[in-house]
Amino acid sequence: RGYLAAYERLAAALARGGVQAAAP
C-alpha cells in the first residue's frame, strides 16, 4: 500500500513533464 501511494506521487510528478534531459 505504501508502494501504491509512492507510485501515485511519482506518476503525478512525472506526468507534469519538465524533464531536464541528459547529454545526448
mmCIF file of all heavy atoms, coordinates in Angstrom:
data_MODEL
# 
_entry.id   MODEL 
# 
loop_
_atom_site.group_PDB 
_atom_site.id 
_atom_site.type_symbol 
_atom_site.label_atom_id 
_atom_site.label_alt_id 
_atom_site.label_comp_id 
_atom_site.label_asym_id 
_atom_site.label_entity_id 
_atom_site.label_seq_id 
_atom_site.pdbx_PDB_ins_code 
_atom_site.Cartn_x 
_atom_site.Cartn_y 
_atom_site.Cartn_z 
_atom_site.occupancy 
_atom_site.B_iso_or_equiv 
_atom_site.pdbx_formal_charge 
_atom_site.auth_seq_id 
_atom_site.auth_comp_id 
_atom_site.auth_asym_id 
_atom_site.auth_atom_id 
_atom_site.pdbx_PDB_model_num 
ATOM 1   N N   . ARG A 1 1  ? 0.841  -1.203 0.000   1.00 0.00 ? 1  ARG A N   1 
ATOM 2   C CA  . ARG A 1 1  ? 0.000  0.000  0.000   1.00 0.00 ? 1  ARG A CA  1 
ATOM 3   C C   . ARG A 1 1  ? 0.877  1.254  0.000   1.00 0.00 ? 1  ARG A C   1 
ATOM 4   O O   . ARG A 1 1  ? 0.535  2.261  -0.624  1.00 0.00 ? 1  ARG A O   1 
ATOM 5   C CB  . ARG A 1 1  ? -0.943 -0.019 1.195   1.00 0.00 ? 1  ARG A CB  1 
ATOM 6   C CG  . ARG A 1 1  ? -2.126 -0.977 1.002   1.00 0.00 ? 1  ARG A CG  1 
ATOM 7   C CD  . ARG A 1 1  ? -2.971 -1.102 2.235   1.00 0.00 ? 1  ARG A CD  1 
ATOM 8   N NE  . ARG A 1 1  ? -4.208 -1.846 1.953   1.00 0.00 ? 1  ARG A NE  1 
ATOM 9   C CZ  . ARG A 1 1  ? -4.906 -2.491 2.865   1.00 0.00 ? 1  ARG A CZ  1 
ATOM 10  N NH1 . ARG A 1 1  ? -4.504 -2.504 4.151   1.00 0.00 ? 1  ARG A NH1 1 
ATOM 11  N NH2 . ARG A 1 1  ? -6.017 -3.126 2.531   1.00 0.00 ? 1  ARG A NH2 1 
ATOM 12  N N   . GLY A 1 2  ? 2.008  1.162  0.700   1.00 0.00 ? 2  GLY A N   1 
ATOM 13  C CA  . GLY A 1 2  ? 2.965  2.266  0.653   1.00 0.00 ? 2  GLY A CA  1 
ATOM 14  C C   . GLY A 1 2  ? 3.553  2.440  -0.735  1.00 0.00 ? 2  GLY A C   1 
ATOM 15  O O   . GLY A 1 2  ? 3.769  3.564  -1.196  1.00 0.00 ? 2  GLY A O   1 
ATOM 16  N N   . TYR A 1 3  ? 3.807  1.309  -1.422  1.00 0.00 ? 3  TYR A N   1 
ATOM 17  C CA  . TYR A 1 3  ? 4.291  1.385  -2.797  1.00 0.00 ? 3  TYR A CA  1 
ATOM 18  C C   . TYR A 1 3  ? 3.277  2.115  -3.678  1.00 0.00 ? 3  TYR A C   1 
ATOM 19  O O   . TYR A 1 3  ? 3.640  2.976  -4.486  1.00 0.00 ? 3  TYR A O   1 
ATOM 20  C CB  . TYR A 1 3  ? 4.501  -0.019 -3.376  1.00 0.00 ? 3  TYR A CB  1 
ATOM 21  C CG  . TYR A 1 3  ? 5.777  -0.716 -2.953  1.00 0.00 ? 3  TYR A CG  1 
ATOM 22  C CD1 . TYR A 1 3  ? 6.297  -0.572 -1.674  1.00 0.00 ? 3  TYR A CD1 1 
ATOM 23  C CD2 . TYR A 1 3  ? 6.459  -1.548 -3.836  1.00 0.00 ? 3  TYR A CD2 1 
ATOM 24  C CE1 . TYR A 1 3  ? 7.445  -1.233 -1.290  1.00 0.00 ? 3  TYR A CE1 1 
ATOM 25  C CE2 . TYR A 1 3  ? 7.611  -2.210 -3.464  1.00 0.00 ? 3  TYR A CE2 1 
ATOM 26  C CZ  . TYR A 1 3  ? 8.100  -2.049 -2.180  1.00 0.00 ? 3  TYR A CZ  1 
ATOM 27  O OH  . TYR A 1 3  ? 9.250  -2.692 -1.807  1.00 0.00 ? 3  TYR A OH  1 
ATOM 28  N N   . LEU A 1 4  ? 1.997  1.763  -3.528  1.00 0.00 ? 4  LEU A N   1 
ATOM 29  C CA  . LEU A 1 4  ? 0.962  2.394  -4.352  1.00 0.00 ? 4  LEU A CA  1 
ATOM 30  C C   . LEU A 1 4  ? 0.931  3.899  -4.137  1.00 0.00 ? 4  LEU A C   1 
ATOM 31  O O   . LEU A 1 4  ? 0.837  4.684  -5.095  1.00 0.00 ? 4  LEU A O   1 
ATOM 32  C CB  . LEU A 1 4  ? -0.408 1.794  -4.027  1.00 0.00 ? 4  LEU A CB  1 
ATOM 33  C CG  . LEU A 1 4  ? -0.703 0.402  -4.588  1.00 0.00 ? 4  LEU A CG  1 
ATOM 34  C CD1 . LEU A 1 4  ? -2.069 -0.078 -4.106  1.00 0.00 ? 4  LEU A CD1 1 
ATOM 35  C CD2 . LEU A 1 4  ? -0.654 0.395  -6.107  1.00 0.00 ? 4  LEU A CD2 1 
ATOM 36  N N   . ALA A 1 5  ? 1.018  4.320  -2.884  1.00 0.00 ? 5  ALA A N   1 
ATOM 37  C CA  . ALA A 1 5  ? 0.993  5.755  -2.591  1.00 0.00 ? 5  ALA A CA  1 
ATOM 38  C C   . ALA A 1 5  ? 2.226  6.449  -3.174  1.00 0.00 ? 5  ALA A C   1 
ATOM 39  O O   . ALA A 1 5  ? 2.123  7.543  -3.744  1.00 0.00 ? 5  ALA A O   1 
ATOM 40  C CB  . ALA A 1 5  ? 0.914  5.970  -1.079  1.00 0.00 ? 5  ALA A CB  1 
ATOM 41  N N   . ALA A 1 6  ? 3.387  5.809  -3.024  1.00 0.00 ? 6  ALA A N   1 
ATOM 42  C CA  . ALA A 1 6  ? 4.617  6.401  -3.551  1.00 0.00 ? 6  ALA A CA  1 
ATOM 43  C C   . ALA A 1 6  ? 4.576  6.471  -5.074  1.00 0.00 ? 6  ALA A C   1 
ATOM 44  O O   . ALA A 1 6  ? 5.024  7.466  -5.672  1.00 0.00 ? 6  ALA A O   1 
ATOM 45  C CB  . ALA A 1 6  ? 5.820  5.586  -3.087  1.00 0.00 ? 6  ALA A CB  1 
ATOM 46  N N   . TYR A 1 7  ? 4.043  5.449  -5.717  1.00 0.00 ? 7  TYR A N   1 
ATOM 47  C CA  . TYR A 1 7  ? 3.964  5.447  -7.178  1.00 0.00 ? 7  TYR A CA  1 
ATOM 48  C C   . TYR A 1 7  ? 2.959  6.473  -7.684  1.00 0.00 ? 7  TYR A C   1 
ATOM 49  O O   . TYR A 1 7  ? 3.155  7.073  -8.745  1.00 0.00 ? 7  TYR A O   1 
ATOM 50  C CB  . TYR A 1 7  ? 3.605  4.050  -7.677  1.00 0.00 ? 7  TYR A CB  1 
ATOM 51  C CG  . TYR A 1 7  ? 4.754  3.069  -7.579  1.00 0.00 ? 7  TYR A CG  1 
ATOM 52  C CD1 . TYR A 1 7  ? 4.561  1.708  -7.804  1.00 0.00 ? 7  TYR A CD1 1 
ATOM 53  C CD2 . TYR A 1 7  ? 6.046  3.490  -7.265  1.00 0.00 ? 7  TYR A CD2 1 
ATOM 54  C CE1 . TYR A 1 7  ? 5.612  0.804  -7.726  1.00 0.00 ? 7  TYR A CE1 1 
ATOM 55  C CE2 . TYR A 1 7  ? 7.096  2.607  -7.178  1.00 0.00 ? 7  TYR A CE2 1 
ATOM 56  C CZ  . TYR A 1 7  ? 6.875  1.260  -7.408  1.00 0.00 ? 7  TYR A CZ  1 
ATOM 57  O OH  . TYR A 1 7  ? 7.919  0.376  -7.325  1.00 0.00 ? 7  TYR A OH  1 
ATOM 58  N N   . GLU A 1 8  ? 1.889  6.680  -6.935  1.00 0.00 ? 8  GLU A N   1 
ATOM 59  C CA  . GLU A 1 8  ? 0.922  7.700  -7.339  1.00 0.00 ? 8  GLU A CA  1 
ATOM 60  C C   . GLU A 1 8  ? 1.561  9.086  -7.299  1.00 0.00 ? 8  GLU A C   1 
ATOM 61  O O   . GLU A 1 8  ? 1.368  9.900  -8.218  1.00 0.00 ? 8  GLU A O   1 
ATOM 62  C CB  . GLU A 1 8  ? -0.295 7.661  -6.415  1.00 0.00 ? 8  GLU A CB  1 
ATOM 63  C CG  . GLU A 1 8  ? -1.394 8.637  -6.796  1.00 0.00 ? 8  GLU A CG  1 
ATOM 64  C CD  . GLU A 1 8  ? -2.609 8.539  -5.899  1.00 0.00 ? 8  GLU A CD  1 
ATOM 65  O OE1 . GLU A 1 8  ? -2.607 7.722  -4.955  1.00 0.00 ? 8  GLU A OE1 1 
ATOM 66  O OE2 . GLU A 1 8  ? -3.581 9.283  -6.141  1.00 0.00 ? 8  GLU A OE2 1 
ATOM 67  N N   . ARG A 1 9  ? 2.357  9.342  -6.263  1.00 0.00 ? 9  ARG A N   1 
ATOM 68  C CA  . ARG A 1 9  ? 3.024  10.649 -6.167  1.00 0.00 ? 9  ARG A CA  1 
ATOM 69  C C   . ARG A 1 9  ? 4.047  10.825 -7.284  1.00 0.00 ? 9  ARG A C   1 
ATOM 70  O O   . ARG A 1 9  ? 4.129  11.892 -7.905  1.00 0.00 ? 9  ARG A O   1 
ATOM 71  C CB  . ARG A 1 9  ? 3.697  10.798 -4.794  1.00 0.00 ? 9  ARG A CB  1 
ATOM 72  C CG  . ARG A 1 9  ? 2.727  10.902 -3.625  1.00 0.00 ? 9  ARG A CG  1 
ATOM 73  C CD  . ARG A 1 9  ? 3.440  11.307 -2.349  1.00 0.00 ? 9  ARG A CD  1 
ATOM 74  N NE  . ARG A 1 9  ? 4.400  10.314 -1.917  1.00 0.00 ? 9  ARG A NE  1 
ATOM 75  C CZ  . ARG A 1 9  ? 4.109  9.300  -1.088  1.00 0.00 ? 9  ARG A CZ  1 
ATOM 76  N NH1 . ARG A 1 9  ? 2.865  9.147  -0.637  1.00 0.00 ? 9  ARG A NH1 1 
ATOM 77  N NH2 . ARG A 1 9  ? 5.037  8.452  -0.710  1.00 0.00 ? 9  ARG A NH2 1 
ATOM 78  N N   . LEU A 1 10 ? 4.832  9.771  -7.540  1.00 0.00 ? 10 LEU A N   1 
ATOM 79  C CA  . LEU A 1 10 ? 5.842  9.888  -8.587  1.00 0.00 ? 10 LEU A CA  1 
ATOM 80  C C   . LEU A 1 10 ? 5.190  10.031 -9.959  1.00 0.00 ? 10 LEU A C   1 
ATOM 81  O O   . LEU A 1 10 ? 5.643  10.834 -10.786 1.00 0.00 ? 10 LEU A O   1 
ATOM 82  C CB  . LEU A 1 10 ? 6.757  8.663  -8.573  1.00 0.00 ? 10 LEU A CB  1 
ATOM 83  C CG  . LEU A 1 10 ? 7.867  8.650  -9.639  1.00 0.00 ? 10 LEU A CG  1 
ATOM 84  C CD1 . LEU A 1 10 ? 8.780  9.856  -9.506  1.00 0.00 ? 10 LEU A CD1 1 
ATOM 85  C CD2 . LEU A 1 10 ? 8.673  7.352  -9.568  1.00 0.00 ? 10 LEU A CD2 1 
ATOM 86  N N   . ALA A 1 11 ? 4.127  9.270  -10.212 1.00 0.00 ? 11 ALA A N   1 
ATOM 87  C CA  . ALA A 1 11 ? 3.443  9.370  -11.502 1.00 0.00 ? 11 ALA A CA  1 
ATOM 88  C C   . ALA A 1 11 ? 2.900  10.776 -11.718 1.00 0.00 ? 11 ALA A C   1 
ATOM 89  O O   . ALA A 1 11 ? 2.979  11.318 -12.832 1.00 0.00 ? 11 ALA A O   1 
ATOM 90  C CB  . ALA A 1 11 ? 2.319  8.340  -11.578 1.00 0.00 ? 11 ALA A CB  1 
ATOM 91  N N   . ALA A 1 12 ? 2.357  11.377 -10.674 1.00 0.00 ? 12 ALA A N   1 
ATOM 92  C CA  . ALA A 1 12 ? 1.841  12.736 -10.806 1.00 0.00 ? 12 ALA A CA  1 
ATOM 93  C C   . ALA A 1 12 ? 2.964  13.708 -11.144 1.00 0.00 ? 12 ALA A C   1 
ATOM 94  O O   . ALA A 1 12 ? 2.801  14.613 -11.972 1.00 0.00 ? 12 ALA A O   1 
ATOM 95  C CB  . ALA A 1 12 ? 1.133  13.150 -9.512  1.00 0.00 ? 12 ALA A CB  1 
ATOM 96  N N   . ALA A 1 13 ? 4.121  13.514 -10.508 1.00 0.00 ? 13 ALA A N   1 
ATOM 97  C CA  . ALA A 1 13 ? 5.258  14.400 -10.781 1.00 0.00 ? 13 ALA A CA  1 
ATOM 98  C C   . ALA A 1 13 ? 5.772  14.201 -12.200 1.00 0.00 ? 13 ALA A C   1 
ATOM 99  O O   . ALA A 1 13 ? 6.057  15.169 -12.917 1.00 0.00 ? 13 ALA A O   1 
ATOM 100 C CB  . ALA A 1 13 ? 6.370  14.142 -9.764  1.00 0.00 ? 13 ALA A CB  1 
ATOM 101 N N   . LEU A 1 14 ? 5.879  12.945 -12.635 1.00 0.00 ? 14 LEU A N   1 
ATOM 102 C CA  . LEU A 1 14 ? 6.387  12.684 -13.982 1.00 0.00 ? 14 LEU A CA  1 
ATOM 103 C C   . LEU A 1 14 ? 5.395  13.119 -15.058 1.00 0.00 ? 14 LEU A C   1 
ATOM 104 O O   . LEU A 1 14 ? 5.790  13.516 -16.156 1.00 0.00 ? 14 LEU A O   1 
ATOM 105 C CB  . LEU A 1 14 ? 6.704  11.196 -14.145 1.00 0.00 ? 14 LEU A CB  1 
ATOM 106 C CG  . LEU A 1 14 ? 7.850  10.637 -13.297 1.00 0.00 ? 14 LEU A CG  1 
ATOM 107 C CD1 . LEU A 1 14 ? 8.088  9.165  -13.632 1.00 0.00 ? 14 LEU A CD1 1 
ATOM 108 C CD2 . LEU A 1 14 ? 9.127  11.432 -13.488 1.00 0.00 ? 14 LEU A CD2 1 
ATOM 109 N N   . ALA A 1 15 ? 4.106  13.043 -14.761 1.00 0.00 ? 15 ALA A N   1 
ATOM 110 C CA  . ALA A 1 15 ? 3.101  13.438 -15.748 1.00 0.00 ? 15 ALA A CA  1 
ATOM 111 C C   . ALA A 1 15 ? 3.169  14.927 -16.056 1.00 0.00 ? 15 ALA A C   1 
ATOM 112 O O   . ALA A 1 15 ? 2.750  15.358 -17.136 1.00 0.00 ? 15 ALA A O   1 
ATOM 113 C CB  . ALA A 1 15 ? 1.704  13.070 -15.249 1.00 0.00 ? 15 ALA A CB  1 
ATOM 114 N N   . ARG A 1 16 ? 3.727  15.690 -15.119 1.00 0.00 ? 16 ARG A N   1 
ATOM 115 C CA  . ARG A 1 16 ? 3.851  17.135 -15.357 1.00 0.00 ? 16 ARG A CA  1 
ATOM 116 C C   . ARG A 1 16 ? 4.987  17.442 -16.322 1.00 0.00 ? 16 ARG A C   1 
ATOM 117 O O   . ARG A 1 16 ? 5.119  18.582 -16.789 1.00 0.00 ? 16 ARG A O   1 
ATOM 118 C CB  . ARG A 1 16 ? 4.069  17.871 -14.027 1.00 0.00 ? 16 ARG A CB  1 
ATOM 119 C CG  . ARG A 1 16 ? 2.841  17.852 -13.126 1.00 0.00 ? 16 ARG A CG  1 
ATOM 120 C CD  . ARG A 1 16 ? 2.973  18.848 -11.993 1.00 0.00 ? 16 ARG A CD  1 
ATOM 121 N NE  . ARG A 1 16 ? 3.980  18.440 -11.025 1.00 0.00 ? 16 ARG A NE  1 
ATOM 122 C CZ  . ARG A 1 16 ? 3.710  17.716 -9.934  1.00 0.00 ? 16 ARG A CZ  1 
ATOM 123 N NH1 . ARG A 1 16 ? 2.468  17.297 -9.702  1.00 0.00 ? 16 ARG A NH1 1 
ATOM 124 N NH2 . ARG A 1 16 ? 4.671  17.386 -9.098  1.00 0.00 ? 16 ARG A NH2 1 
ATOM 125 N N   . GLY A 1 17 ? 5.816  16.449 -16.623 1.00 0.00 ? 17 GLY A N   1 
ATOM 126 C CA  . GLY A 1 17 ? 6.904  16.648 -17.585 1.00 0.00 ? 17 GLY A CA  1 
ATOM 127 C C   . GLY A 1 17 ? 8.058  17.393 -16.963 1.00 0.00 ? 17 GLY A C   1 
ATOM 128 O O   . GLY A 1 17 ? 8.426  17.190 -15.804 1.00 0.00 ? 17 GLY A O   1 
ATOM 129 N N   . GLY A 1 18 ? 8.637  18.281 -17.755 1.00 0.00 ? 18 GLY A N   1 
ATOM 130 C CA  . GLY A 1 18 ? 9.738  19.092 -17.257 1.00 0.00 ? 18 GLY A CA  1 
ATOM 131 C C   . GLY A 1 18 ? 11.040 18.336 -17.127 1.00 0.00 ? 18 GLY A C   1 
ATOM 132 O O   . GLY A 1 18 ? 11.847 18.647 -16.257 1.00 0.00 ? 18 GLY A O   1 
ATOM 133 N N   . VAL A 1 19 ? 11.249 17.333 -17.964 1.00 0.00 ? 19 VAL A N   1 
ATOM 134 C CA  . VAL A 1 19 ? 12.492 16.560 -17.895 1.00 0.00 ? 19 VAL A CA  1 
ATOM 135 C C   . VAL A 1 19 ? 13.676 17.431 -18.307 1.00 0.00 ? 19 VAL A C   1 
ATOM 136 O O   . VAL A 1 19 ? 13.647 18.094 -19.342 1.00 0.00 ? 19 VAL A O   1 
ATOM 137 C CB  . VAL A 1 19 ? 12.418 15.328 -18.817 1.00 0.00 ? 19 VAL A CB  1 
ATOM 138 C CG1 . VAL A 1 19 ? 13.774 14.638 -18.903 1.00 0.00 ? 19 VAL A CG1 1 
ATOM 139 C CG2 . VAL A 1 19 ? 11.366 14.368 -18.313 1.00 0.00 ? 19 VAL A CG2 1 
ATOM 140 N N   . GLN A 1 20 ? 14.698 17.438 -17.472 1.00 0.00 ? 20 GLN A N   1 
ATOM 141 C CA  . GLN A 1 20 ? 15.948 18.101 -17.833 1.00 0.00 ? 20 GLN A CA  1 
ATOM 142 C C   . GLN A 1 20 ? 16.839 17.034 -18.469 1.00 0.00 ? 20 GLN A C   1 
ATOM 143 O O   . GLN A 1 20 ? 17.554 16.318 -17.791 1.00 0.00 ? 20 GLN A O   1 
ATOM 144 C CB  . GLN A 1 20 ? 16.610 18.712 -16.599 1.00 0.00 ? 20 GLN A CB  1 
ATOM 145 C CG  . GLN A 1 20 ? 15.802 19.851 -15.976 1.00 0.00 ? 20 GLN A CG  1 
ATOM 146 C CD  . GLN A 1 20 ? 16.500 20.450 -14.777 1.00 0.00 ? 20 GLN A CD  1 
ATOM 147 O OE1 . GLN A 1 20 ? 17.458 19.892 -14.252 1.00 0.00 ? 20 GLN A OE1 1 
ATOM 148 N NE2 . GLN A 1 20 ? 16.016 21.607 -14.336 1.00 0.00 ? 20 GLN A NE2 1 
ATOM 149 N N   . ALA A 1 21 ? 16.724 16.941 -19.779 1.00 0.00 ? 21 ALA A N   1 
ATOM 150 C CA  . ALA A 1 21 ? 17.368 15.839 -20.490 1.00 0.00 ? 21 ALA A CA  1 
ATOM 151 C C   . ALA A 1 21 ? 18.872 15.823 -20.264 1.00 0.00 ? 21 ALA A C   1 
ATOM 152 O O   . ALA A 1 21 ? 19.525 16.861 -20.183 1.00 0.00 ? 21 ALA A O   1 
ATOM 153 C CB  . ALA A 1 21 ? 17.066 15.933 -21.986 1.00 0.00 ? 21 ALA A CB  1 
ATOM 154 N N   . ALA A 1 22 ? 19.392 14.596 -20.175 1.00 0.00 ? 22 ALA A N   1 
ATOM 155 C CA  . ALA A 1 22 ? 20.833 14.414 -20.034 1.00 0.00 ? 22 ALA A CA  1 
ATOM 156 C C   . ALA A 1 22 ? 21.503 14.663 -21.375 1.00 0.00 ? 22 ALA A C   1 
ATOM 157 O O   . ALA A 1 22 ? 20.859 14.904 -22.390 1.00 0.00 ? 22 ALA A O   1 
ATOM 158 C CB  . ALA A 1 22 ? 21.111 12.999 -19.544 1.00 0.00 ? 22 ALA A CB  1 
ATOM 159 N N   . ALA A 1 23 ? 22.822 14.624 -21.377 1.00 0.00 ? 23 ALA A N   1 
ATOM 160 C CA  . ALA A 1 23 ? 23.568 14.745 -22.634 1.00 0.00 ? 23 ALA A CA  1 
ATOM 161 C C   . ALA A 1 23 ? 23.080 13.676 -23.602 1.00 0.00 ? 23 ALA A C   1 
ATOM 162 O O   . ALA A 1 23 ? 22.709 12.573 -23.180 1.00 0.00 ? 23 ALA A O   1 
ATOM 163 C CB  . ALA A 1 23 ? 25.055 14.575 -22.361 1.00 0.00 ? 23 ALA A CB  1 
ATOM 164 N N   . PRO A 1 24 ? 23.046 13.988 -24.905 1.00 0.00 ? 24 PRO A N   1 
ATOM 165 C CA  . PRO A 1 24 ? 22.509 13.027 -25.880 1.00 0.00 ? 24 PRO A CA  1 
ATOM 166 C C   . PRO A 1 24 ? 23.102 11.630 -25.765 1.00 0.00 ? 24 PRO A C   1 
ATOM 167 O O   . PRO A 1 24 ? 22.377 10.637 -25.871 1.00 0.00 ? 24 PRO A O   1 
ATOM 168 C CB  . PRO A 1 24 ? 22.851 13.685 -27.221 1.00 0.00 ? 24 PRO A CB  1 
ATOM 169 C CG  . PRO A 1 24 ? 22.881 15.143 -26.922 1.00 0.00 ? 24 PRO A CG  1 
ATOM 170 C CD  . PRO A 1 24 ? 23.441 15.258 -25.536 1.00 0.00 ? 24 PRO A CD  1 
# 
